[in-house]
Amino acid sequence: MPVKNVTRTPDASKYYKNVSFETLTASWLSGDGWEVLIPLVDHGMKTDLVIADESNYYRIQIKTIEAINDNVIVENKWGEVCIDYVIYFCRNSNWGYIVPAFSESKKRLNSEGHLRFHQDQKPFIKAFAQI
């Protein structure tokens, strides 16, 4: 049985957790039939994933939050970079939101037009199909 013998710093642990949500999202979307492209470098472009069908490409940013409920304010961390959607995962619970990218500096996560999902493939894909 493999044994993990590594001690990560809190910053490294947070990074690995964030990357795991990006990988999870890529898996769910590719399982639904999307072409999923992962940028080799994401310096300044704020694009974690690009998904495509036969003629459209969508840029996606993945964010994680810690929250007691979904009545929280989230910040625009992508600035004026042209992305299409932001997918928020709650790290300390089992829900998330799919949000059209917004230009305001802050916005309530549970705003109208933001789609909540349970952190599982079927509920995520069902919510994603509604955007």
N, C-alpha and C. Protein backbone atom coordinates (compact mmCIF):
# COMPACT_ATOMS: atom_id res chain seq x y z
N MET A 1 0.85 -1.18 0.00
CA MET A 1 0.00 0.00 0.00
C MET A 1 0.89 1.23 0.00
N PRO A 2 0.66 2.15 -0.97
CA PRO A 2 1.45 3.39 -0.99
C PRO A 2 1.19 4.24 0.24
N VAL A 3 2.23 4.90 0.69
CA VAL A 3 2.12 5.79 1.84
C VAL A 3 2.62 7.16 1.41
N LYS A 4 1.82 8.19 1.68
CA LYS A 4 2.22 9.56 1.34
C LYS A 4 3.12 10.08 2.45
N ASN A 5 4.36 10.36 2.11
CA ASN A 5 5.34 10.86 3.08
C ASN A 5 5.77 12.27 2.70
N VAL A 6 4.83 13.18 2.72
CA VAL A 6 5.15 14.55 2.36
C VAL A 6 4.44 15.49 3.34
N THR A 7 5.14 16.54 3.70
CA THR A 7 4.53 17.58 4.51
C THR A 7 4.56 18.85 3.69
N ARG A 8 3.38 19.37 3.39
CA ARG A 8 3.30 20.57 2.57
C ARG A 8 3.05 21.80 3.45
N THR A 9 3.52 22.92 2.98
CA THR A 9 3.23 24.18 3.65
C THR A 9 1.75 24.49 3.44
N PRO A 10 1.16 25.33 4.26
CA PRO A 10 -0.25 25.70 4.05
C PRO A 10 -0.50 26.29 2.65
N ASP A 11 0.42 27.10 2.15
CA ASP A 11 0.25 27.67 0.81
C ASP A 11 0.29 26.59 -0.26
N ALA A 12 1.20 25.64 -0.12
CA ALA A 12 1.28 24.55 -1.10
C ALA A 12 0.04 23.68 -1.03
N SER A 13 -0.45 23.40 0.17
CA SER A 13 -1.67 22.59 0.31
C SER A 13 -2.85 23.27 -0.35
N LYS A 14 -2.97 24.59 -0.17
CA LYS A 14 -4.05 25.34 -0.80
C LYS A 14 -3.94 25.26 -2.32
N TYR A 15 -2.72 25.39 -2.84
CA TYR A 15 -2.50 25.31 -4.28
C TYR A 15 -2.93 23.94 -4.83
N TYR A 16 -2.51 22.88 -4.18
CA TYR A 16 -2.86 21.53 -4.63
C TYR A 16 -4.38 21.31 -4.59
N LYS A 17 -5.03 21.81 -3.57
CA LYS A 17 -6.49 21.69 -3.46
C LYS A 17 -7.17 22.44 -4.60
N ASN A 18 -6.68 23.65 -4.89
CA ASN A 18 -7.26 24.44 -5.98
C ASN A 18 -7.09 23.72 -7.32
N VAL A 19 -5.91 23.17 -7.56
CA VAL A 19 -5.66 22.45 -8.81
C VAL A 19 -6.57 21.22 -8.90
N SER A 20 -6.86 20.60 -7.77
CA SER A 20 -7.73 19.42 -7.81
C SER A 20 -9.13 19.79 -8.29
N PHE A 21 -9.61 20.98 -7.97
CA PHE A 21 -10.92 21.42 -8.46
C PHE A 21 -10.88 21.72 -9.96
N GLU A 22 -9.76 22.23 -10.45
CA GLU A 22 -9.62 22.44 -11.89
C GLU A 22 -9.65 21.10 -12.63
N THR A 23 -8.93 20.12 -12.10
CA THR A 23 -8.89 18.80 -12.71
C THR A 23 -10.26 18.13 -12.66
N LEU A 24 -10.95 18.27 -11.54
CA LEU A 24 -12.28 17.71 -11.39
C LEU A 24 -13.24 18.30 -12.41
N THR A 25 -13.21 19.61 -12.58
CA THR A 25 -14.06 20.28 -13.56
C THR A 25 -13.75 19.80 -14.97
N ALA A 26 -12.47 19.69 -15.29
CA ALA A 26 -12.07 19.19 -16.62
C ALA A 26 -12.61 17.78 -16.84
N SER A 27 -12.54 16.95 -15.84
CA SER A 27 -13.04 15.58 -15.95
C SER A 27 -14.54 15.56 -16.19
N TRP A 28 -15.28 16.33 -15.40
CA TRP A 28 -16.73 16.37 -15.55
C TRP A 28 -17.13 16.86 -16.95
N LEU A 29 -16.48 17.92 -17.43
CA LEU A 29 -16.83 18.48 -18.73
C LEU A 29 -16.43 17.54 -19.88
N SER A 30 -15.27 16.93 -19.79
CA SER A 30 -14.88 15.99 -20.85
C SER A 30 -15.79 14.77 -20.84
N GLY A 31 -16.22 14.34 -19.67
CA GLY A 31 -17.17 13.23 -19.58
C GLY A 31 -18.52 13.57 -20.19
N ASP A 32 -18.82 14.86 -20.28
CA ASP A 32 -20.08 15.31 -20.89
C ASP A 32 -19.94 15.55 -22.39
N GLY A 33 -18.74 15.34 -22.93
CA GLY A 33 -18.55 15.48 -24.37
C GLY A 33 -17.89 16.76 -24.83
N TRP A 34 -17.50 17.63 -23.93
CA TRP A 34 -16.79 18.85 -24.30
C TRP A 34 -15.34 18.53 -24.61
N GLU A 35 -14.75 19.25 -25.53
CA GLU A 35 -13.31 19.23 -25.70
C GLU A 35 -12.77 20.14 -24.60
N VAL A 36 -11.85 19.65 -23.81
CA VAL A 36 -11.30 20.44 -22.71
C VAL A 36 -9.83 20.68 -22.98
N LEU A 37 -9.46 21.94 -22.99
CA LEU A 37 -8.08 22.35 -23.23
C LEU A 37 -7.57 23.00 -21.95
N ILE A 38 -6.39 22.59 -21.53
CA ILE A 38 -5.80 23.15 -20.32
C ILE A 38 -4.56 23.93 -20.73
N PRO A 39 -4.54 25.24 -20.49
CA PRO A 39 -3.39 26.05 -20.89
C PRO A 39 -2.11 25.57 -20.21
N LEU A 40 -1.05 25.53 -20.99
CA LEU A 40 0.25 25.15 -20.45
C LEU A 40 0.73 26.22 -19.47
N VAL A 41 0.49 27.46 -19.81
CA VAL A 41 0.86 28.59 -18.95
C VAL A 41 -0.38 29.46 -18.77
N ASP A 42 -0.63 29.90 -17.55
CA ASP A 42 -1.80 30.74 -17.25
C ASP A 42 -1.33 32.01 -16.57
N HIS A 43 -0.30 32.65 -17.12
CA HIS A 43 0.23 33.85 -16.50
C HIS A 43 -0.47 35.07 -17.08
N GLY A 44 -1.34 35.67 -16.29
CA GLY A 44 -2.00 36.90 -16.69
C GLY A 44 -3.26 36.73 -17.51
N MET A 45 -3.52 35.56 -18.05
CA MET A 45 -4.70 35.37 -18.88
C MET A 45 -5.91 34.90 -18.08
N LYS A 46 -5.70 34.47 -16.84
CA LYS A 46 -6.78 34.10 -15.93
C LYS A 46 -7.69 33.00 -16.51
N THR A 47 -7.11 32.11 -17.29
CA THR A 47 -7.88 31.04 -17.91
C THR A 47 -7.36 29.71 -17.38
N ASP A 48 -8.20 29.01 -16.62
CA ASP A 48 -7.82 27.70 -16.11
C ASP A 48 -8.16 26.59 -17.10
N LEU A 49 -9.29 26.75 -17.79
CA LEU A 49 -9.73 25.77 -18.78
C LEU A 49 -10.32 26.49 -19.98
N VAL A 50 -10.20 25.88 -21.13
CA VAL A 50 -10.92 26.31 -22.32
C VAL A 50 -11.72 25.09 -22.75
N ILE A 51 -13.02 25.29 -22.98
CA ILE A 51 -13.83 24.18 -23.47
C ILE A 51 -14.34 24.55 -24.85
N ALA A 52 -14.56 23.53 -25.67
CA ALA A 52 -14.99 23.79 -27.03
C ALA A 52 -15.95 22.72 -27.50
N ASP A 53 -16.86 23.15 -28.37
CA ASP A 53 -17.65 22.20 -29.14
C ASP A 53 -17.14 22.35 -30.57
N GLU A 54 -17.94 22.09 -31.56
CA GLU A 54 -17.44 22.15 -32.93
C GLU A 54 -17.10 23.56 -33.41
N SER A 55 -17.73 24.59 -32.83
CA SER A 55 -17.49 25.94 -33.35
C SER A 55 -17.34 27.03 -32.30
N ASN A 56 -17.48 26.70 -31.02
CA ASN A 56 -17.41 27.71 -29.98
C ASN A 56 -16.36 27.35 -28.94
N TYR A 57 -15.69 28.36 -28.44
CA TYR A 57 -14.71 28.20 -27.37
C TYR A 57 -15.13 29.07 -26.19
N TYR A 58 -14.97 28.54 -24.98
CA TYR A 58 -15.34 29.26 -23.77
C TYR A 58 -14.18 29.20 -22.78
N ARG A 59 -13.82 30.36 -22.27
CA ARG A 59 -12.74 30.45 -21.28
C ARG A 59 -13.34 30.40 -19.89
N ILE A 60 -12.75 29.56 -19.04
CA ILE A 60 -13.29 29.34 -17.70
C ILE A 60 -12.21 29.56 -16.66
N GLN A 61 -12.59 30.24 -15.60
CA GLN A 61 -11.76 30.45 -14.42
C GLN A 61 -12.37 29.63 -13.29
N ILE A 62 -11.55 28.89 -12.55
CA ILE A 62 -12.00 28.10 -11.42
C ILE A 62 -11.53 28.80 -10.14
N LYS A 63 -12.46 29.02 -9.23
CA LYS A 63 -12.13 29.65 -7.94
C LYS A 63 -12.66 28.79 -6.80
N THR A 64 -12.01 28.85 -5.67
CA THR A 64 -12.50 28.18 -4.48
C THR A 64 -12.73 29.21 -3.39
N ILE A 65 -13.70 28.91 -2.55
CA ILE A 65 -14.02 29.79 -1.43
C ILE A 65 -14.27 28.92 -0.20
N GLU A 66 -14.19 29.53 0.95
CA GLU A 66 -14.65 28.90 2.20
C GLU A 66 -15.79 29.77 2.69
N ALA A 67 -16.94 29.14 2.88
CA ALA A 67 -18.12 29.91 3.28
C ALA A 67 -19.07 29.04 4.06
N ILE A 68 -19.83 29.67 4.94
CA ILE A 68 -20.85 28.98 5.72
C ILE A 68 -22.09 28.77 4.86
N ASN A 69 -22.39 29.76 3.98
CA ASN A 69 -23.53 29.65 3.07
C ASN A 69 -23.19 30.38 1.78
N ASP A 70 -24.15 30.41 0.86
CA ASP A 70 -23.86 31.01 -0.44
C ASP A 70 -24.22 32.49 -0.52
N ASN A 71 -24.52 33.10 0.60
CA ASN A 71 -24.84 34.52 0.65
C ASN A 71 -23.56 35.31 0.94
N VAL A 72 -22.52 35.07 0.15
CA VAL A 72 -21.23 35.71 0.35
C VAL A 72 -20.92 36.59 -0.86
N ILE A 73 -20.02 37.52 -0.64
CA ILE A 73 -19.56 38.40 -1.70
C ILE A 73 -18.28 37.80 -2.27
N VAL A 74 -18.23 37.69 -3.62
CA VAL A 74 -17.01 37.22 -4.28
C VAL A 74 -16.43 38.37 -5.08
N GLU A 75 -15.13 38.32 -5.26
CA GLU A 75 -14.42 39.40 -5.95
C GLU A 75 -14.08 39.01 -7.37
N ASN A 76 -14.03 40.00 -8.22
CA ASN A 76 -13.56 39.83 -9.59
C ASN A 76 -12.04 39.73 -9.52
N LYS A 77 -11.50 38.52 -9.65
CA LYS A 77 -10.05 38.29 -9.59
C LYS A 77 -9.42 38.24 -10.98
N TRP A 78 -10.21 38.42 -12.04
CA TRP A 78 -9.70 38.33 -13.40
C TRP A 78 -9.61 39.69 -14.07
N GLY A 79 -10.07 40.74 -13.36
CA GLY A 79 -9.97 42.09 -13.90
C GLY A 79 -10.74 42.25 -15.19
N GLU A 80 -10.09 42.80 -16.20
CA GLU A 80 -10.75 43.03 -17.48
C GLU A 80 -10.44 41.94 -18.50
N VAL A 81 -9.78 40.88 -18.06
CA VAL A 81 -9.48 39.76 -18.96
C VAL A 81 -10.80 39.16 -19.43
N CYS A 82 -10.91 38.88 -20.69
CA CYS A 82 -12.15 38.39 -21.28
C CYS A 82 -12.29 36.87 -21.05
N ILE A 83 -12.97 36.52 -19.98
CA ILE A 83 -13.31 35.12 -19.75
C ILE A 83 -14.83 35.00 -19.82
N ASP A 84 -15.31 33.77 -19.97
CA ASP A 84 -16.74 33.58 -20.13
C ASP A 84 -17.44 33.20 -18.83
N TYR A 85 -16.86 32.27 -18.09
CA TYR A 85 -17.51 31.76 -16.88
C TYR A 85 -16.51 31.58 -15.76
N VAL A 86 -17.02 31.73 -14.55
CA VAL A 86 -16.25 31.45 -13.34
C VAL A 86 -17.00 30.34 -12.61
N ILE A 87 -16.28 29.31 -12.22
CA ILE A 87 -16.89 28.23 -11.47
C ILE A 87 -16.30 28.27 -10.07
N TYR A 88 -17.17 28.49 -9.09
CA TYR A 88 -16.76 28.56 -7.68
C TYR A 88 -17.07 27.23 -7.00
N PHE A 89 -16.10 26.72 -6.27
CA PHE A 89 -16.28 25.53 -5.44
C PHE A 89 -16.11 25.95 -3.99
N CYS A 90 -17.03 25.53 -3.15
CA CYS A 90 -16.89 25.76 -1.72
C CYS A 90 -16.00 24.64 -1.16
N ARG A 91 -14.84 25.02 -0.61
CA ARG A 91 -13.87 24.02 -0.11
C ARG A 91 -14.36 23.30 1.14
N ASN A 92 -15.18 23.95 1.94
CA ASN A 92 -15.58 23.35 3.21
C ASN A 92 -17.02 22.84 3.19
N SER A 93 -17.59 22.68 1.99
CA SER A 93 -18.93 22.13 1.86
C SER A 93 -19.03 21.40 0.53
N ASN A 94 -20.23 21.03 0.12
CA ASN A 94 -20.38 20.22 -1.09
C ASN A 94 -21.19 20.93 -2.17
N TRP A 95 -21.05 22.24 -2.29
CA TRP A 95 -21.77 22.99 -3.30
C TRP A 95 -20.83 23.94 -4.04
N GLY A 96 -21.33 24.45 -5.15
CA GLY A 96 -20.58 25.42 -5.92
C GLY A 96 -21.53 26.23 -6.78
N TYR A 97 -20.97 27.16 -7.55
CA TYR A 97 -21.76 28.01 -8.43
C TYR A 97 -21.07 28.16 -9.78
N ILE A 98 -21.88 28.21 -10.81
CA ILE A 98 -21.42 28.57 -12.16
C ILE A 98 -21.92 29.97 -12.42
N VAL A 99 -21.00 30.88 -12.73
CA VAL A 99 -21.31 32.30 -12.81
C VAL A 99 -20.79 32.87 -14.13
N PRO A 100 -21.62 33.57 -14.88
CA PRO A 100 -21.07 34.31 -16.02
C PRO A 100 -20.07 35.34 -15.48
N ALA A 101 -18.95 35.48 -16.14
CA ALA A 101 -17.95 36.44 -15.67
C ALA A 101 -18.59 37.82 -15.56
N PHE A 102 -18.27 38.54 -14.49
CA PHE A 102 -18.86 39.86 -14.27
C PHE A 102 -17.76 40.91 -14.24
N SER A 103 -18.13 42.14 -14.58
CA SER A 103 -17.14 43.22 -14.65
C SER A 103 -17.06 44.03 -13.36
N GLU A 104 -18.08 43.91 -12.49
CA GLU A 104 -18.05 44.62 -11.22
C GLU A 104 -16.88 44.09 -10.38
N SER A 105 -16.42 44.89 -9.42
CA SER A 105 -15.31 44.43 -8.58
C SER A 105 -15.75 43.36 -7.58
N LYS A 106 -17.03 43.42 -7.17
CA LYS A 106 -17.57 42.43 -6.23
C LYS A 106 -19.01 42.13 -6.59
N LYS A 107 -19.44 40.93 -6.23
CA LYS A 107 -20.82 40.54 -6.50
C LYS A 107 -21.23 39.45 -5.52
N ARG A 108 -22.49 39.42 -5.18
CA ARG A 108 -23.00 38.36 -4.30
C ARG A 108 -23.01 37.05 -5.08
N LEU A 109 -22.49 35.99 -4.47
CA LEU A 109 -22.39 34.70 -5.14
C LEU A 109 -23.74 34.16 -5.57
N ASN A 110 -24.75 34.32 -4.73
CA ASN A 110 -26.07 33.77 -5.06
C ASN A 110 -26.96 34.77 -5.82
N SER A 111 -26.35 35.64 -6.61
CA SER A 111 -27.10 36.61 -7.42
C SER A 111 -27.92 35.90 -8.48
N GLU A 112 -28.92 36.60 -8.97
CA GLU A 112 -29.76 36.06 -10.05
C GLU A 112 -28.88 35.74 -11.26
N GLY A 113 -29.14 34.61 -11.87
CA GLY A 113 -28.36 34.19 -13.04
C GLY A 113 -27.16 33.33 -12.69
N HIS A 114 -26.84 33.24 -11.40
CA HIS A 114 -25.75 32.37 -10.95
C HIS A 114 -26.36 31.02 -10.60
N LEU A 115 -25.78 29.96 -11.09
CA LEU A 115 -26.37 28.63 -10.95
C LEU A 115 -25.64 27.80 -9.90
N ARG A 116 -26.37 27.40 -8.88
CA ARG A 116 -25.81 26.57 -7.82
C ARG A 116 -25.82 25.11 -8.25
N PHE A 117 -24.79 24.36 -7.84
CA PHE A 117 -24.75 22.94 -8.11
C PHE A 117 -24.21 22.19 -6.89
N HIS A 118 -24.60 20.94 -6.79
CA HIS A 118 -24.04 20.03 -5.79
C HIS A 118 -22.75 19.49 -6.40
N GLN A 119 -21.70 19.33 -5.57
CA GLN A 119 -20.40 18.93 -6.10
C GLN A 119 -20.37 17.45 -6.47
N ASP A 120 -21.03 17.16 -7.58
CA ASP A 120 -21.04 15.83 -8.17
C ASP A 120 -21.27 16.03 -9.66
N GLN A 121 -20.83 15.10 -10.49
CA GLN A 121 -20.87 15.32 -11.93
C GLN A 121 -22.27 15.59 -12.47
N LYS A 122 -23.25 14.77 -12.14
CA LYS A 122 -24.59 14.95 -12.72
C LYS A 122 -25.21 16.29 -12.37
N PRO A 123 -25.23 16.71 -11.10
CA PRO A 123 -25.79 18.04 -10.80
C PRO A 123 -24.98 19.18 -11.45
N PHE A 124 -23.66 19.01 -11.53
CA PHE A 124 -22.84 20.04 -12.17
C PHE A 124 -23.19 20.17 -13.64
N ILE A 125 -23.25 19.05 -14.34
CA ILE A 125 -23.56 19.06 -15.78
C ILE A 125 -24.97 19.60 -16.02
N LYS A 126 -25.90 19.24 -15.16
CA LYS A 126 -27.28 19.75 -15.28
C LYS A 126 -27.28 21.29 -15.16
N ALA A 127 -26.54 21.83 -14.19
CA ALA A 127 -26.46 23.28 -14.01
C ALA A 127 -25.72 23.91 -15.20
N PHE A 128 -24.63 23.29 -15.64
CA PHE A 128 -23.84 23.84 -16.73
C PHE A 128 -24.65 23.93 -18.01
N ALA A 129 -25.55 22.97 -18.23
CA ALA A 129 -26.39 22.97 -19.43
C ALA A 129 -27.39 24.13 -19.43
N GLN A 130 -27.59 24.75 -18.28
CA GLN A 130 -28.55 25.86 -18.18
C GLN A 130 -27.95 27.23 -18.46
N ILE A 131 -26.63 27.30 -18.60
CA ILE A 131 -26.02 28.61 -18.83
C ILE A 131 -26.14 29.05 -20.27
